[in-house]
C-alpha atoms as a PDB file:
ATOM      1  CA  MET A   1     122.447 -23.358   1.621  1.00  0.00           C
ATOM      2  CA  HIS A   2     119.567 -23.536   4.127  1.00  0.00           C
ATOM      3  CA  VAL A   3     119.264 -26.557   6.442  1.00  0.00           C
ATOM      4  CA  ALA A   4     116.258 -27.044   8.727  1.00  0.00           C
ATOM      5  CA  LEU A   5     116.855 -28.346  12.261  1.00  0.00           C
ATOM      6  CA  TYR A   6     114.101 -30.135  14.156  1.00  0.00           C
ATOM      7  CA  SER A   7     114.018 -31.458  17.715  1.00  0.00           C
ATOM      8  CA  ARG A   8     111.364 -32.070  20.343  1.00  0.00           C
ATOM      9  CA  GLY A   9     113.555 -30.585  23.060  1.00  0.00           C
ATOM     10  CA  PHE A  10     116.858 -31.113  24.805  1.00  0.00           C
ATOM     11  CA  VAL A  11     118.560 -32.271  27.965  1.00  0.00           C
ATOM     12  CA  LYS A  12     121.617 -30.586  29.409  1.00  0.00           C
ATOM     13  CA  GLU A  13     123.925 -33.248  27.993  1.00  0.00           C
ATOM     14  CA  ASP A  14     122.812 -32.361  24.439  1.00  0.00           C
ATOM     15  CA  LEU A  15     123.884 -28.706  24.531  1.00  0.00           C
ATOM     16  CA  GLU A  16     127.533 -29.304  23.662  1.00  0.00           C
ATOM     17  CA  ASP A  17     126.591 -31.322  20.573  1.00  0.00           C
ATOM     18  CA  ILE A  18     123.921 -28.819  19.497  1.00  0.00           C
ATOM     19  CA  GLN A  19     126.489 -26.020  19.776  1.00  0.00           C
ATOM     20  CA  LEU A  20     129.006 -28.039  17.772  1.00  0.00           C
ATOM     21  CA  LEU A  21     126.452 -28.606  15.007  1.00  0.00           C
ATOM     22  CA  LEU A  22     125.582 -24.895  14.791  1.00  0.00           C
ATOM     23  CA  ASP A  23     129.279 -23.937  14.818  1.00  0.00           C
ATOM     24  CA  GLU A  24     129.979 -26.375  11.991  1.00  0.00           C
ATOM     25  CA  LEU A  25     127.050 -25.006   9.989  1.00  0.00           C
ATOM     26  CA  GLY A  26     128.308 -21.469  10.545  1.00  0.00           C
ATOM     27  CA  ARG A  27     131.832 -22.357   9.404  1.00  0.00           C
ATOM     28  CA  GLN A  28     130.395 -23.771   6.183  1.00  0.00           C
ATOM     29  CA  GLU A  29     128.183 -20.670   5.702  1.00  0.00           C
ATOM     30  CA  ILE A  30     125.052 -22.817   5.968  1.00  0.00           C
ATOM     31  CA  ILE A  31     122.002 -20.967   7.276  1.00  0.00           C
ATOM     32  CA  PRO A  32     120.161 -22.972   9.969  1.00  0.00           C
ATOM     33  CA  VAL A  33     116.365 -22.816   9.966  1.00  0.00           C
ATOM     34  CA  VAL A  34     115.437 -23.977  13.473  1.00  0.00           C
ATOM     35  CA  TYR A  35     112.070 -25.318  14.646  1.00  0.00           C
ATOM     36  CA  GLU A  36     110.711 -22.340  16.556  1.00  0.00           C
ATOM     37  CA  PRO A  37     109.682 -24.055  19.839  1.00  0.00           C
ATOM     38  CA  PHE A  38     113.117 -25.706  19.961  1.00  0.00           C
ATOM     39  CA  PHE A  39     114.813 -22.380  19.174  1.00  0.00           C
ATOM     40  CA  LYS A  40     113.002 -20.634  22.032  1.00  0.00           C
ATOM     41  CA  GLU A  41     113.952 -23.429  24.414  1.00  0.00           C
ATOM     42  CA  ILE A  42     117.678 -23.359  23.698  1.00  0.00           C
ATOM     43  CA  ARG A  43     118.402 -19.745  22.729  1.00  0.00           C
ATOM     44  CA  GLN A  44     119.586 -18.833  26.230  1.00  0.00           C
ATOM     45  CA  HIS A  45     122.108 -21.665  26.168  1.00  0.00           C
ATOM     46  CA  ILE A  46     123.382 -21.596  22.574  1.00  0.00           C
ATOM     47  CA  ARG A  47     125.328 -19.177  20.359  1.00  0.00           C
ATOM     48  CA  PHE A  48     123.572 -19.067  17.000  1.00  0.00           C
ATOM     49  CA  PRO A  49     125.114 -17.995  13.698  1.00  0.00           C
ATOM     50  CA  ALA A  50     124.459 -14.362  12.804  1.00  0.00           C
ATOM     51  CA  GLN A  51     121.884 -15.431  10.236  1.00  0.00           C
ATOM     52  CA  THR A  52     119.468 -17.937  11.755  1.00  0.00           C
ATOM     53  CA  ASP A  53     115.864 -18.419  10.644  1.00  0.00           C
ATOM     54  CA  THR A  54     113.017 -20.375  12.240  1.00  0.00           C
ATOM     55  CA  PHE A  55     110.034 -22.420  11.095  1.00  0.00           C
ATOM     56  CA  SER A  56     106.921 -23.528  12.925  1.00  0.00           C
ATOM     57  CA  LYS A  57     104.745 -25.257  10.326  1.00  0.00           C
ATOM     58  CA  ALA A  58     105.036 -27.222   7.106  1.00  0.00           C
ATOM     59  CA  GLU A  59     104.339 -24.176   4.937  1.00  0.00           C
ATOM     60  CA  ASP A  60     107.487 -22.478   6.284  1.00  0.00           C
ATOM     61  CA  LEU A  61     109.697 -25.124   4.690  1.00  0.00           C
ATOM     62  CA  ASP A  62     109.836 -23.653   1.214  1.00  0.00           C
ATOM     63  CA  GLY A  63     112.154 -24.192  -1.733  1.00  0.00           C
ATOM     64  CA  ARG A  64     115.130 -22.707   0.122  1.00  0.00           C
ATOM     65  CA  ILE A  65     115.401 -25.743   2.382  1.00  0.00           C
ATOM     66  CA  GLU A  66     117.751 -28.359   0.949  1.00  0.00           C
ATOM     67  CA  PHE A  67     117.901 -30.714   3.935  1.00  0.00           C
ATOM     68  CA  LEU A  68     116.276 -31.309   7.305  1.00  0.00           C
ATOM     69  CA  VAL A  69     118.362 -32.626  10.208  1.00  0.00           C
ATOM     70  CA  SER A  70     116.487 -34.364  13.018  1.00  0.00           C
ATOM     71  CA  LEU A  71     118.104 -34.190  16.472  1.00  0.00           C
ATOM     72  CA  GLY A  72     116.733 -36.900  18.753  1.00  0.00           C
ATOM     73  CA  GLY A  73     115.594 -40.478  18.503  1.00  0.00           C
ATOM     74  CA  ASP A  74     113.423 -42.325  16.008  1.00  0.00           C
ATOM     75  CA  GLY A  75     110.259 -40.700  17.327  1.00  0.00           C
ATOM     76  CA  THR A  76     111.719 -37.263  16.633  1.00  0.00           C
ATOM     77  CA  LEU A  77     112.536 -38.252  13.075  1.00  0.00           C
ATOM     78  CA  LEU A  78     109.013 -39.593  12.581  1.00  0.00           C
ATOM     79  CA  ASP A  79     107.693 -36.135  13.511  1.00  0.00           C
ATOM     80  CA  THR A  80     109.476 -34.634  10.514  1.00  0.00           C
ATOM     81  CA  VAL A  81     107.135 -36.462   8.117  1.00  0.00           C
ATOM     82  CA  SER A  82     104.338 -34.054   9.047  1.00  0.00           C
ATOM     83  CA  PHE A  83     106.551 -31.070   8.163  1.00  0.00           C
ATOM     84  CA  ILE A  84     108.177 -32.133   4.905  1.00  0.00           C
ATOM     85  CA  ARG A  85     105.113 -33.933   3.482  1.00  0.00           C
ATOM     86  CA  GLU A  86     105.489 -34.349  -0.300  1.00  0.00           C
ATOM     87  CA  LYS A  87     108.180 -31.643  -0.653  1.00  0.00           C
ATOM     88  CA  ASP A  88     110.945 -34.178  -1.237  1.00  0.00           C
ATOM     89  CA  ILE A  89     113.232 -32.593   1.369  1.00  0.00           C
ATOM     90  CA  PRO A  90     115.790 -35.241   2.425  1.00  0.00           C
ATOM     91  CA  VAL A  91     115.992 -35.996   6.150  1.00  0.00           C
ATOM     92  CA  MET A  92     119.117 -36.946   8.116  1.00  0.00           C
ATOM     93  CA  GLY A  93     118.698 -38.227  11.658  1.00  0.00           C
ATOM     94  CA  VAL A  94     121.345 -37.585  14.341  1.00  0.00           C
ATOM     95  CA  ASN A  95     120.701 -39.894  17.266  1.00  0.00           C
ATOM     96  CA  PHE A  96     120.353 -38.104  20.595  1.00  0.00           C
ATOM     97  CA  GLY A  97     118.053 -40.908  21.747  1.00  0.00           C
ATOM     98  CA  ARG A  98     118.552 -44.587  22.494  1.00  0.00           C
ATOM     99  CA  LEU A  99     118.076 -47.312  19.858  1.00  0.00           C
ATOM    100  CA  GLY A 100     118.149 -45.246  16.685  1.00  0.00           C
ATOM    101  CA  PHE A 101     117.147 -47.420  13.729  1.00  0.00           C
ATOM    102  CA  LEU A 102     116.104 -44.344  11.724  1.00  0.00           C
ATOM    103  CA  ALA A 103     118.170 -41.687  13.483  1.00  0.00           C
ATOM    104  CA  SER A 104     121.235 -43.847  13.066  1.00  0.00           C
ATOM    105  CA  ILE A 105     124.023 -41.249  12.913  1.00  0.00           C
ATOM    106  CA  GLY A 106     125.849 -40.872  16.215  1.00  0.00           C
ATOM    107  CA  ARG A 107     126.324 -37.528  17.935  1.00  0.00           C
ATOM    108  CA  HIS A 108     130.078 -38.058  17.604  1.00  0.00           C
ATOM    109  CA  GLU A 109     129.679 -37.816  13.805  1.00  0.00           C
ATOM    110  CA  ILE A 110     128.360 -34.237  13.660  1.00  0.00           C
ATOM    111  CA  HIS A 111     131.444 -32.993  11.794  1.00  0.00           C
ATOM    112  CA  GLU A 112     130.944 -35.718   9.182  1.00  0.00           C
ATOM    113  CA  VAL A 113     127.243 -34.850   8.914  1.00  0.00           C
ATOM    114  CA  VAL A 114     127.921 -31.248   7.921  1.00  0.00           C
ATOM    115  CA  ASN A 115     130.734 -32.209   5.558  1.00  0.00           C
ATOM    116  CA  SER A 116     128.536 -34.788   3.856  1.00  0.00           C
ATOM    117  CA  LEU A 117     125.787 -32.219   3.256  1.00  0.00           C
ATOM    118  CA  VAL A 118     128.246 -29.719   1.765  1.00  0.00           C
ATOM    119  CA  SER A 119     130.015 -32.272  -0.433  1.00  0.00           C
ATOM    120  CA  ARG A 120     126.797 -34.208  -1.242  1.00  0.00           C
ATOM    121  CA  ASN A 121     128.607 -37.306  -0.055  1.00  0.00           C
ATOM    122  CA  TYR A 122     125.747 -39.376   1.344  1.00  0.00           C
ATOM    123  CA  VAL A 123     123.409 -42.202   0.403  1.00  0.00           C
ATOM    124  CA  ILE A 124     119.695 -41.624  -0.188  1.00  0.00           C
ATOM    125  CA  ASP A 125     117.290 -44.310   1.052  1.00  0.00           C
ATOM    126  CA  LYS A 126     113.801 -43.965  -0.401  1.00  0.00           C
ATOM    127  CA  ARG A 127     111.242 -45.094   2.175  1.00  0.00           C
ATOM    128  CA  THR A 128     107.639 -46.080   1.520  1.00  0.00           C
ATOM    129  CA  LEU A 129     104.837 -44.293   3.349  1.00  0.00           C
ATOM    130  CA  LEU A 130     101.366 -45.664   3.966  1.00  0.00           C
ATOM    131  CA  HIS A 131      98.201 -43.617   3.482  1.00  0.00           C
ATOM    132  CA  LEU A 132      94.993 -43.805   5.519  1.00  0.00           C
ATOM    133  CA  ASP A 133      91.554 -43.327   3.960  1.00  0.00           C
ATOM    134  CA  ALA A 134      88.664 -42.975   6.389  1.00  0.00           C
ATOM    135  CA  SER A 135      84.955 -42.263   6.140  1.00  0.00           C
ATOM    136  CA  SER A 136      85.446 -39.406   8.646  1.00  0.00           C
ATOM    137  CA  PRO A 137      88.271 -36.832   8.475  1.00  0.00           C
ATOM    138  CA  LEU A 138      91.263 -38.093  10.454  1.00  0.00           C
ATOM    139  CA  PHE A 139      94.779 -36.747  11.033  1.00  0.00           C
ATOM    140  CA  GLY A 140      94.179 -33.457   9.251  1.00  0.00           C
ATOM    141  CA  GLU A 141      96.452 -32.801   6.291  1.00  0.00           C
ATOM    142  CA  VAL A 142      98.864 -35.600   7.240  1.00  0.00           C
ATOM    143  CA  PRO A 143      96.954 -38.897   6.812  1.00  0.00           C
ATOM    144  CA  TYR A 144     100.106 -40.916   6.233  1.00  0.00           C
ATOM    145  CA  ALA A 145     102.871 -42.606   8.200  1.00  0.00           C
ATOM    146  CA  LEU A 146     106.454 -43.738   7.774  1.00  0.00           C
ATOM    147  CA  ASN A 147     106.389 -46.552  10.341  1.00  0.00           C
ATOM    148  CA  GLU A 148     102.932 -47.924  10.901  1.00  0.00           C
ATOM    149  CA  PHE A 149      99.177 -47.616  11.135  1.00  0.00           C
ATOM    150  CA  THR A 150      97.502 -49.263  14.119  1.00  0.00           C
ATOM    151  CA  ILE A 151      94.062 -50.048  15.422  1.00  0.00           C
ATOM    152  CA  HIS A 152      93.987 -50.621  19.171  1.00  0.00           C
ATOM    153  CA  LYS A 153      91.464 -51.131  21.929  1.00  0.00           C
ATOM    154  CA  LYS A 154      90.822 -48.113  24.137  1.00  0.00           C
ATOM    155  CA  ASP A 155      92.174 -48.089  27.681  1.00  0.00           C
ATOM    156  CA  THR A 156      91.440 -51.358  29.526  1.00  0.00           C
ATOM    157  CA  SER A 157      88.406 -52.346  27.457  1.00  0.00           C
ATOM    158  CA  ALA A 158      87.964 -55.885  26.184  1.00  0.00           C
ATOM    159  CA  MET A 159      89.713 -57.048  23.046  1.00  0.00           C
ATOM    160  CA  VAL A 160      88.377 -55.972  19.669  1.00  0.00           C
ATOM    161  CA  LYS A 161      87.385 -57.911  16.571  1.00  0.00           C
ATOM    162  CA  ILE A 162      89.053 -56.503  13.480  1.00  0.00           C
ATOM    163  CA  HIS A 163      87.651 -57.844  10.197  1.00  0.00           C
ATOM    164  CA  THR A 164      90.429 -57.367   7.657  1.00  0.00           C
ATOM    165  CA  TYR A 165      90.239 -57.378   3.838  1.00  0.00           C
ATOM    166  CA  LEU A 166      92.795 -57.303   1.026  1.00  0.00           C
ATOM    167  CA  ASN A 167      91.477 -55.497  -2.053  1.00  0.00           C
ATOM    168  CA  GLY A 168      87.970 -56.202  -0.784  1.00  0.00           C
ATOM    169  CA  GLU A 169      88.554 -59.949  -0.259  1.00  0.00           C
ATOM    170  CA  PHE A 170      88.235 -61.224   3.307  1.00  0.00           C
ATOM    171  CA  LEU A 171      91.578 -62.072   4.927  1.00  0.00           C
ATOM    172  CA  ASN A 172      90.861 -62.761   8.598  1.00  0.00           C
ATOM    173  CA  THR A 173      89.060 -61.596  11.702  1.00  0.00           C
ATOM    174  CA  TYR A 174      91.613 -60.720  14.358  1.00  0.00           C
ATOM    175  CA  TRP A 175      90.452 -61.147  17.965  1.00  0.00           C
ATOM    176  CA  ALA A 176      93.179 -59.110  19.630  1.00  0.00           C
ATOM    177  CA  ASP A 177      94.156 -56.017  21.562  1.00  0.00           C
ATOM    178  CA  GLY A 178      94.938 -54.418  18.240  1.00  0.00           C
ATOM    179  CA  LEU A 179      96.419 -54.709  14.765  1.00  0.00           C
ATOM    180  CA  ILE A 180      99.497 -53.150  13.162  1.00  0.00           C
ATOM    181  CA  VAL A 181     100.106 -52.476   9.491  1.00  0.00           C
ATOM    182  CA  ALA A 182     103.806 -51.658   9.180  1.00  0.00           C
ATOM    183  CA  THR A 183     105.895 -50.437   6.278  1.00  0.00           C
ATOM    184  CA  PRO A 184     109.312 -52.041   5.745  1.00  0.00           C
ATOM    185  CA  THR A 185     110.746 -49.109   7.720  1.00  0.00           C
ATOM    186  CA  GLY A 186     108.286 -49.775  10.544  1.00  0.00           C
ATOM    187  CA  SER A 187     109.021 -53.504  10.592  1.00  0.00           C
ATOM    188  CA  THR A 188     111.822 -52.841  13.103  1.00  0.00           C
ATOM    189  CA  GLY A 189     109.498 -50.867  15.411  1.00  0.00           C
ATOM    190  CA  TYR A 190     106.213 -51.744  17.121  1.00  0.00           C
ATOM    191  CA  SER A 191     105.587 -54.648  14.747  1.00  0.00           C
ATOM    192  CA  LEU A 192     108.900 -56.277  15.671  1.00  0.00           C
ATOM    193  CA  SER A 193     108.108 -56.044  19.394  1.00  0.00           C
ATOM    194  CA  CYS A 194     104.843 -57.895  18.685  1.00  0.00           C
ATOM    195  CA  GLY A 195     106.582 -60.744  16.862  1.00  0.00           C
ATOM    196  CA  GLY A 196     106.565 -59.377  13.329  1.00  0.00           C
ATOM    197  CA  PRO A 197     109.373 -60.107  10.843  1.00  0.00           C
ATOM    198  CA  ILE A 198     112.145 -57.726   9.850  1.00  0.00           C
ATOM    199  CA  VAL A 199     111.680 -56.546   6.270  1.00  0.00           C
ATOM    200  CA  PHE A 200     114.385 -54.851   4.219  1.00  0.00           C
ATOM    201  CA  PRO A 201     113.611 -51.171   3.519  1.00  0.00           C
ATOM    202  CA  GLU A 202     113.559 -51.642  -0.249  1.00  0.00           C
ATOM    203  CA  ALA A 203     111.035 -54.513  -0.096  1.00  0.00           C
ATOM    204  CA  ALA A 204     107.668 -53.649  -1.644  1.00  0.00           C
ATOM    205  CA  ASN A 205     105.601 -55.071   1.226  1.00  0.00           C
ATOM    206  CA  PHE A 206     103.451 -54.290   4.225  1.00  0.00           C
ATOM    207  CA  VAL A 207     103.452 -56.385   7.403  1.00  0.00           C
ATOM    208  CA  ILE A 208     100.147 -57.087   9.187  1.00  0.00           C
ATOM    209  CA  THR A 209     100.871 -57.967  12.822  1.00  0.00           C
ATOM    210  CA  PRO A 210      98.249 -58.677  15.517  1.00  0.00           C
ATOM    211  CA  VAL A 211      98.763 -57.280  19.009  1.00  0.00           C
ATOM    212  CA  ALA A 212      98.178 -59.941  21.706  1.00  0.00           C
ATOM    213  CA  PRO A 213      95.895 -62.127  19.534  1.00  0.00           C
ATOM    214  CA  HIS A 214      93.342 -64.338  21.267  1.00  0.00           C
ATOM    215  CA  ASN A 215      93.999 -67.205  18.822  1.00  0.00           C
ATOM    216  CA  LEU A 216      97.590 -68.379  19.145  1.00  0.00           C
ATOM    217  CA  ASN A 217      97.661 -69.770  15.594  1.00  0.00           C
ATOM    218  CA  VAL A 218      97.308 -66.259  14.176  1.00  0.00           C
ATOM    219  CA  ARG A 219     100.673 -64.974  13.011  1.00  0.00           C
ATOM    220  CA  PRO A 220     102.014 -61.872  11.243  1.00  0.00           C
ATOM    221  CA  ILE A 221     101.643 -61.877   7.485  1.00  0.00           C
ATOM    222  CA  VAL A 222     103.579 -60.065   4.741  1.00  0.00           C
ATOM    223  CA  VAL A 223     101.515 -58.702   1.822  1.00  0.00           C
ATOM    224  CA  PRO A 224     102.464 -56.772  -1.336  1.00  0.00           C
ATOM    225  CA  ASP A 225     102.217 -53.013  -0.890  1.00  0.00           C
ATOM    226  CA  ASP A 226      99.963 -52.616  -3.928  1.00  0.00           C
ATOM    227  CA  ASN A 227      97.121 -54.062  -1.830  1.00  0.00           C
ATOM    228  CA  VAL A 228      94.453 -51.880  -0.244  1.00  0.00           C
ATOM    229  CA  ILE A 229      93.936 -53.172   3.324  1.00  0.00           C
ATOM    230  CA  SER A 230      90.539 -52.311   4.795  1.00  0.00           C
ATOM    231  CA  PHE A 231      88.986 -52.905   8.211  1.00  0.00           C
ATOM    232  CA  GLU A 232      85.730 -53.217  10.083  1.00  0.00           C
ATOM    233  CA  VAL A 233      86.006 -53.067  13.872  1.00  0.00           C
ATOM    234  CA  GLU A 234      83.725 -54.523  16.536  1.00  0.00           C
ATOM    235  CA  GLY A 235      84.000 -54.530  20.304  1.00  0.00           C
ATOM    236  CA  ARG A 236      82.209 -54.066  23.603  1.00  0.00           C
ATOM    237  CA  SER A 237      83.313 -50.449  23.569  1.00  0.00           C
ATOM    238  CA  ASP A 238      81.996 -48.068  20.916  1.00  0.00           C
ATOM    239  CA  GLN A 239      85.392 -46.372  20.662  1.00  0.00           C
ATOM    240  CA  PHE A 240      88.885 -47.475  19.782  1.00  0.00           C
ATOM    241  CA  ILE A 241      92.266 -45.928  19.066  1.00  0.00           C
ATOM    242  CA  CYS A 242      93.717 -45.353  15.617  1.00  0.00           C
ATOM    243  CA  THR A 243      97.331 -44.217  15.163  1.00  0.00           C
ATOM    244  CA  LEU A 244      99.698 -43.116  12.424  1.00  0.00           C
ATOM    245  CA  ASP A 245     103.227 -43.330  13.816  1.00  0.00           C
ATOM    246  CA  SER A 246     103.089 -41.364  17.088  1.00  0.00           C
ATOM    247  CA  ARG A 247      99.859 -39.471  16.249  1.00  0.00           C
ATOM    248  CA  MET A 248      96.607 -40.757  17.726  1.00  0.00           C
ATOM    249  CA  GLU A 249      92.861 -40.355  17.158  1.00  0.00           C
ATOM    250  CA  VAL A 250      90.013 -41.836  19.196  1.00  0.00           C
ATOM    251  CA  ILE A 251      87.193 -42.880  16.861  1.00  0.00           C
ATOM    252  CA  ASP A 252      84.024 -44.932  17.010  1.00  0.00           C
ATOM    253  CA  ASN A 253      83.381 -48.259  15.340  1.00  0.00           C
ATOM    254  CA  ARG A 254      81.211 -46.747  12.612  1.00  0.00           C
ATOM    255  CA  VAL A 255      84.256 -45.223  10.919  1.00  0.00           C
ATOM    256  CA  GLN A 256      85.439 -47.166   7.863  1.00  0.00           C
ATOM    257  CA  LEU A 257      89.220 -47.450   7.499  1.00  0.00           C
ATOM    258  CA  ALA A 258      91.572 -48.494   4.717  1.00  0.00           C
ATOM    259  CA  VAL A 259      95.313 -48.149   4.200  1.00  0.00           C
ATOM    260  CA  LYS A 260      97.368 -48.234   1.034  1.00  0.00           C
ATOM    261  CA  LYS A 261     100.768 -47.168  -0.248  1.00  0.00           C
ATOM    262  CA  GLU A 262     101.176 -43.393  -0.358  1.00  0.00           C
ATOM    263  CA  ASP A 263     101.761 -41.786  -3.760  1.00  0.00           C
ATOM    264  CA  PHE A 264     105.034 -40.200  -2.611  1.00  0.00           C
ATOM    265  CA  SER A 265     107.943 -41.411  -0.487  1.00  0.00           C
ATOM    266  CA  ILE A 266     110.430 -39.888   1.951  1.00  0.00           C
ATOM    267  CA  ASN A 267     114.177 -39.647   1.409  1.00  0.00           C
ATOM    268  CA  LEU A 268     116.344 -40.582   4.393  1.00  0.00           C
ATOM    269  CA  LEU A 269     120.026 -39.714   4.219  1.00  0.00           C
ATOM    270  CA  ARG A 270     122.787 -41.796   5.732  1.00  0.00           C
ATOM    271  CA  LEU A 271     126.539 -41.678   5.776  1.00  0.00           C
ATOM    272  CA  ASN A 272     128.137 -44.085   3.322  1.00  0.00           C
ATOM    273  CA  GLU A 273     129.458 -46.558   5.868  1.00  0.00           C
ATOM    274  CA  SER A 274     126.129 -47.086   7.650  1.00  0.00           C
ATOM    275  CA  ASN A 275     123.765 -49.526   5.924  1.00  0.00           C
ATOM    276  CA  PHE A 276     120.761 -51.594   7.003  1.00  0.00           C
ATOM    277  CA  LEU A 277     122.737 -54.773   7.726  1.00  0.00           C
ATOM    278  CA  HIS A 278     125.210 -52.840   9.838  1.00  0.00           C
ATOM    279  CA  ARG A 279     122.381 -51.294  11.863  1.00  0.00           C
ATOM    280  CA  LEU A 280     120.694 -54.669  12.365  1.00  0.00           C
ATOM    281  CA  ARG A 281     123.874 -56.186  13.779  1.00  0.00           C
ATOM    282  CA  ASN A 282     124.647 -53.129  15.874  1.00  0.00           C
ATOM    283  CA  LYS A 283     121.205 -52.262  17.239  1.00  0.00           C
ATOM    284  CA  LEU A 284     119.951 -55.817  17.786  1.00  0.00           C
ATOM    285  CA  LEU A 285     123.323 -57.025  19.127  1.00  0.00           C
ATOM    286  CA  TRP A 286     123.611 -59.785  16.549  1.00  0.00           C
ATOM    287  CA  GLY A 287     126.899 -61.613  16.513  1.00  0.00           C
ATOM    288  CA  ILE A 288     128.040 -60.626  20.004  1.00  0.00           C
ATOM    289  CA  ASP A 289     128.504 -64.308  20.905  1.00  0.00           C
ATOM    290  CA  THR A 290     132.280 -64.770  21.199  1.00  0.00           C
ATOM    291  CA  ARG A 291     131.968 -67.994  19.170  1.00  0.00           C
ATOM    292  CA  ASN A 292     130.762 -65.948  16.190  1.00  0.00           C
ATOM    293  CA  ASN A 293     133.907 -64.229  14.950  1.00  0.00           C
ATOM    294  CA  ARG A 294     132.196 -63.159  11.752  1.00  0.00           C
ATOM    295  CA  GLY A 295     129.886 -60.923  13.783  1.00  0.00           C
ATOM    296  CA  LYS A 296     132.818 -58.699  14.767  1.00  0.00           C
END
């Protein structure tokens, strides 16, 4: 079995857990395929199994790879989308970060992680991706996102006007700092911090959430994910920011943009005892009021 390992980097406190993971993989005769920049960063601190491979680009993740393990926070896991693409390689996130809605498996569960991969004892969550179409080439070969697409004003420029359409029919003009289109997975990210609702991962919806809207009666809206959402942008500046997850492009207001549901999805793996409701209560501290015994 080959398992890919991806991380943006490490801090000293992570080394013990990284070593434990590699030792567990070695004991199970699993060959780690480590992201090359990460491998170069840690190789002086870590004992690797005798057979260890590396990868540096999406094309390196071929049919040998059965799983990809992300070591970090949610942002690290989002990076993996650009590597696995439509290859249907399941991703398991071990949380070396802070909140961890996506990378929800604790570092203290590394032994269980390896055992679950060997025994195939895990749960697969299929997650919707959104796809960006643009009149100019954007985001290379990865014009899709797991969490969200955003349009945002550039730097400290004045707010933008974002004319928004559903399947070609006018929805609204948002006078705001920006606009978010979030998948159900992304509903607990940037959209949530801007007042958007939490949507269950299996819901077939997108959430459109304005960022600092000028009109206070404008609220987030949930739309079916079979809609094509298109935009025309105006503003005092000729340029604005467009993002897919953590990737960013600066474009001008002549570029036409539309988002829709991607043709393929991503498979996130979780341990059996960790589900969405459990993560909501745990990560958002629901039920910690001592009067709410059911929250314990």
